[in-house]
């Protein structure tokens, strides 16, 4: 029973960051940006793949880099779109 409670608290702590990021992008910035969801899942998938290969610390670093790269790509595409709308 204690293991279930610990797992629940650990997952809740992780998903709290995702919910705060979604709140910021949807409510405060008023942009429907799904990069928050996608970058979280992409980073976790890469992290788990590296952990199964035997490199858990490298997996954490690569997961963070992959999530950040997804955010940078989205930011670039958004700025590119805004720039060309402004130039018309």
C-alpha atoms as a PDB file:
ATOM      1  CA  UNK A   1       0.000   0.000   0.000  1.00  0.00           C
ATOM      2  CA  UNK A   2       2.859   2.351   0.770  1.00  0.00           C
ATOM      3  CA  UNK A   3       4.386   1.697  -2.667  1.00  0.00           C
ATOM      4  CA  UNK A   4       1.176   2.755  -4.409  1.00  0.00           C
ATOM      5  CA  UNK A   5       1.051   5.967  -2.389  1.00  0.00           C
ATOM      6  CA  UNK A   6       4.684   6.757  -3.163  1.00  0.00           C
ATOM      7  CA  UNK A   7       4.185   6.109  -6.884  1.00  0.00           C
ATOM      8  CA  UNK A   8       1.083   8.287  -6.870  1.00  0.00           C
ATOM      9  CA  UNK A   9       2.941  11.176  -5.247  1.00  0.00           C
ATOM     10  CA  UNK A  10       5.893  10.841  -7.622  1.00  0.00           C
ATOM     11  CA  UNK A  11       3.700  10.874 -10.722  1.00  0.00           C
ATOM     12  CA  UNK A  12       1.629  13.731  -9.328  1.00  0.00           C
ATOM     13  CA  UNK A  13       4.777  15.782  -8.786  1.00  0.00           C
ATOM     14  CA  UNK A  14       5.859  15.166 -12.393  1.00  0.00           C
ATOM     15  CA  UNK A  15       2.483  15.964 -13.905  1.00  0.00           C
ATOM     16  CA  UNK A  16       2.185  19.114 -11.806  1.00  0.00           C
ATOM     17  CA  UNK A  17       4.904  20.712 -13.937  1.00  0.00           C
ATOM     18  CA  UNK A  18       3.068  19.736 -17.100  1.00  0.00           C
ATOM     19  CA  UNK A  19      -0.186  21.216 -15.844  1.00  0.00           C
ATOM     20  CA  UNK A  20       1.533  24.478 -14.875  1.00  0.00           C
ATOM     21  CA  UNK A  21       3.135  24.690 -18.318  1.00  0.00           C
ATOM     22  CA  UNK A  22      -0.214  24.045 -19.994  1.00  0.00           C
ATOM     23  CA  UNK A  23      -1.863  26.692 -17.839  1.00  0.00           C
ATOM     24  CA  UNK A  24       0.779  29.241 -18.807  1.00  0.00           C
ATOM     25  CA  UNK A  25       0.521  28.540 -22.534  1.00  0.00           C
ATOM     26  CA  UNK A  26      -3.272  28.315 -22.704  1.00  0.00           C
ATOM     27  CA  UNK A  27      -4.453  30.952 -20.248  1.00  0.00           C
ATOM     28  CA  UNK A  28      -1.713  33.498 -19.763  1.00  0.00           C
ATOM     29  CA  UNK A  29      -0.215  33.579 -23.255  1.00  0.00           C
ATOM     30  CA  UNK A  30      -3.570  32.838 -24.933  1.00  0.00           C
ATOM     31  CA  UNK A  31      -1.936  30.471 -27.431  1.00  0.00           C
ATOM     32  CA  UNK A  32      -3.217  26.964 -28.086  1.00  0.00           C
ATOM     33  CA  UNK A  33       0.237  25.372 -28.148  1.00  0.00           C
ATOM     34  CA  UNK A  34       0.441  21.592 -27.895  1.00  0.00           C
ATOM     35  CA  UNK A  35       4.233  21.556 -27.728  1.00  0.00           C
ATOM     36  CA  UNK A  36       4.024  21.237 -23.969  1.00  0.00           C
ATOM     37  CA  UNK A  37       2.318  17.882 -24.256  1.00  0.00           C
ATOM     38  CA  UNK A  38       4.444  16.661 -27.130  1.00  0.00           C
ATOM     39  CA  UNK A  39       7.812  17.692 -25.731  1.00  0.00           C
ATOM     40  CA  UNK A  40       7.046  16.055 -22.382  1.00  0.00           C
ATOM     41  CA  UNK A  41       6.202  12.742 -24.038  1.00  0.00           C
ATOM     42  CA  UNK A  42       9.135  12.995 -26.472  1.00  0.00           C
ATOM     43  CA  UNK A  43      11.596  13.623 -23.654  1.00  0.00           C
ATOM     44  CA  UNK A  44      10.211  10.762 -21.579  1.00  0.00           C
ATOM     45  CA  UNK A  45      10.334   8.371 -24.559  1.00  0.00           C
ATOM     46  CA  UNK A  46      13.970   9.191 -25.262  1.00  0.00           C
ATOM     47  CA  UNK A  47      14.840   8.976 -21.582  1.00  0.00           C
ATOM     48  CA  UNK A  48      13.233   5.553 -21.231  1.00  0.00           C
ATOM     49  CA  UNK A  49      14.904   4.295 -24.409  1.00  0.00           C
ATOM     50  CA  UNK A  50      18.322   5.289 -23.105  1.00  0.00           C
ATOM     51  CA  UNK A  51      17.568   3.873 -19.652  1.00  0.00           C
ATOM     52  CA  UNK A  52      16.647   0.504 -21.172  1.00  0.00           C
ATOM     53  CA  UNK A  53      19.905   0.603 -23.127  1.00  0.00           C
ATOM     54  CA  UNK A  54      21.766   0.924 -19.833  1.00  0.00           C
ATOM     55  CA  UNK A  55      22.459   4.667 -19.689  1.00  0.00           C
ATOM     56  CA  UNK A  56      19.906   6.261 -17.317  1.00  0.00           C
ATOM     57  CA  UNK A  57      21.852   9.475 -16.616  1.00  0.00           C
ATOM     58  CA  UNK A  58      22.510  10.035 -20.314  1.00  0.00           C
ATOM     59  CA  UNK A  59      18.812   9.352 -20.915  1.00  0.00           C
ATOM     60  CA  UNK A  60      17.801  12.162 -18.586  1.00  0.00           C
ATOM     61  CA  UNK A  61      20.115  14.599 -20.340  1.00  0.00           C
ATOM     62  CA  UNK A  62      19.032  13.518 -23.829  1.00  0.00           C
ATOM     63  CA  UNK A  63      15.376  13.669 -22.818  1.00  0.00           C
ATOM     64  CA  UNK A  64      15.789  17.239 -21.618  1.00  0.00           C
ATOM     65  CA  UNK A  65      17.606  18.183 -24.818  1.00  0.00           C
ATOM     66  CA  UNK A  66      14.927  16.575 -26.995  1.00  0.00           C
ATOM     67  CA  UNK A  67      12.124  18.368 -25.157  1.00  0.00           C
ATOM     68  CA  UNK A  68      13.998  21.655 -25.439  1.00  0.00           C
ATOM     69  CA  UNK A  69      14.637  21.078 -29.138  1.00  0.00           C
ATOM     70  CA  UNK A  70      10.921  20.482 -29.699  1.00  0.00           C
ATOM     71  CA  UNK A  71      10.199  23.783 -27.966  1.00  0.00           C
ATOM     72  CA  UNK A  72      12.772  25.640 -30.051  1.00  0.00           C
ATOM     73  CA  UNK A  73      11.355  24.228 -33.286  1.00  0.00           C
ATOM     74  CA  UNK A  74       7.864  25.329 -32.298  1.00  0.00           C
ATOM     75  CA  UNK A  75       9.092  28.789 -31.303  1.00  0.00           C
ATOM     76  CA  UNK A  76      10.921  29.129 -34.618  1.00  0.00           C
ATOM     77  CA  UNK A  77       7.835  28.104 -36.589  1.00  0.00           C
ATOM     78  CA  UNK A  78       5.654  30.501 -34.609  1.00  0.00           C
ATOM     79  CA  UNK A  79       8.050  33.404 -35.131  1.00  0.00           C
ATOM     80  CA  UNK A  80       8.421  32.513 -38.807  1.00  0.00           C
ATOM     81  CA  UNK A  81       4.621  32.581 -39.198  1.00  0.00           C
ATOM     82  CA  UNK A  82       4.235  35.858 -37.309  1.00  0.00           C
ATOM     83  CA  UNK A  83       7.034  37.463 -39.325  1.00  0.00           C
ATOM     84  CA  UNK A  84       5.472  36.591 -42.675  1.00  0.00           C
ATOM     85  CA  UNK A  85       2.015  37.684 -41.537  1.00  0.00           C
ATOM     86  CA  UNK A  86       3.540  41.021 -40.542  1.00  0.00           C
ATOM     87  CA  UNK A  87       5.299  41.440 -43.898  1.00  0.00           C
ATOM     88  CA  UNK A  88       2.118  41.007 -45.954  1.00  0.00           C
END
